[in-house]
């Protein structure tokens, strides 16, 4: 069972998994919260329905490098793989 990290972390299990992999507290919190509110979809079509600009902003927020050279499909893959 995941430890409760307070009200600021919306998905404690994802947060802990990311921290275990070496992500910073800030990065793990952003990703866990994005996944909890549905803006970071890991298996459905939501990411494909977003515009390239929206995907680019998400990639920038979670710290994906090389995003300016990526097309929409590459941004979706990079966000999912991050």
Protein backbone atom coordinates (compact mmCIF):
# COMPACT_ATOMS: atom_id res chain seq x y z
CA UNK A 1 0.00 0.00 0.00
CA UNK A 2 1.27 3.42 -0.94
CA UNK A 3 2.20 5.90 1.76
CA UNK A 4 -0.09 8.94 2.06
CA UNK A 5 1.86 11.99 0.88
CA UNK A 6 -0.84 14.50 1.78
CA UNK A 7 -3.41 16.34 -0.26
CA UNK A 8 -0.92 17.82 -2.72
CA UNK A 9 -0.11 14.40 -4.21
CA UNK A 10 -3.16 13.01 -5.99
CA UNK A 11 -1.78 9.55 -6.84
CA UNK A 12 0.53 8.28 -4.09
CA UNK A 13 1.36 4.97 -5.80
CA UNK A 14 2.56 6.64 -9.01
CA UNK A 15 4.48 9.22 -6.98
CA UNK A 16 6.33 6.52 -5.03
CA UNK A 17 7.10 4.51 -8.17
CA UNK A 18 8.61 7.58 -9.85
CA UNK A 19 10.62 8.49 -6.76
CA UNK A 20 11.95 4.92 -6.60
CA UNK A 21 13.12 5.31 -10.21
CA UNK A 22 15.04 8.47 -9.25
CA UNK A 23 12.64 11.24 -10.27
CA UNK A 24 12.80 14.43 -8.23
CA UNK A 25 9.99 15.15 -5.80
CA UNK A 26 8.69 17.96 -8.02
CA UNK A 27 8.74 15.89 -11.21
CA UNK A 28 7.13 12.88 -9.53
CA UNK A 29 4.39 15.08 -8.09
CA UNK A 30 3.64 16.73 -11.46
CA UNK A 31 3.39 13.41 -13.26
CA UNK A 32 1.36 11.71 -10.52
CA UNK A 33 -1.07 14.61 -10.36
CA UNK A 34 -1.38 14.84 -14.16
CA UNK A 35 -2.14 11.15 -14.36
CA UNK A 36 -4.68 11.39 -11.53
CA UNK A 37 -6.62 14.21 -13.22
CA UNK A 38 -6.59 12.52 -16.64
CA UNK A 39 -4.29 14.91 -18.48
CA UNK A 40 -1.57 12.28 -18.69
CA UNK A 41 -3.29 9.23 -20.10
CA UNK A 42 -1.27 6.03 -20.10
CA UNK A 43 -3.42 3.76 -22.20
CA UNK A 44 -6.33 5.40 -23.93
CA UNK A 45 -6.95 7.85 -26.69
CA UNK A 46 -6.97 11.06 -24.70
CA UNK A 47 -3.46 12.08 -25.65
CA UNK A 48 -4.13 11.56 -29.35
CA UNK A 49 -7.16 13.82 -29.13
CA UNK A 50 -5.07 16.74 -27.85
CA UNK A 51 -3.44 19.29 -30.13
CA UNK A 52 0.29 19.27 -30.82
CA UNK A 53 0.60 22.54 -28.87
CA UNK A 54 -1.09 20.98 -25.83
CA UNK A 55 1.18 17.94 -26.05
CA UNK A 56 4.22 20.19 -26.39
CA UNK A 57 3.22 22.11 -23.25
CA UNK A 58 2.74 18.85 -21.33
CA UNK A 59 6.14 17.60 -22.52
CA UNK A 60 7.75 20.87 -21.40
CA UNK A 61 6.04 20.65 -18.00
CA UNK A 62 7.31 17.13 -17.32
CA UNK A 63 10.80 17.87 -18.65
CA UNK A 64 11.03 15.94 -21.93
CA UNK A 65 14.05 17.04 -23.92
CA UNK A 66 14.11 17.39 -27.71
CA UNK A 67 10.39 18.13 -27.85
CA UNK A 68 10.76 21.03 -30.31
CA UNK A 69 11.85 18.57 -33.02
CA UNK A 70 9.05 16.06 -32.32
CA UNK A 71 5.88 15.63 -34.33
CA UNK A 72 2.56 14.92 -32.61
CA UNK A 73 3.00 11.13 -32.60
CA UNK A 74 6.49 11.43 -31.12
CA UNK A 75 5.21 13.76 -28.39
CA UNK A 76 2.46 11.27 -27.47
CA UNK A 77 5.03 8.45 -27.29
CA UNK A 78 7.49 10.52 -25.27
CA UNK A 79 4.80 11.52 -22.75
CA UNK A 80 3.60 7.95 -22.36
CA UNK A 81 7.14 6.58 -22.02
CA UNK A 82 8.20 9.24 -19.52
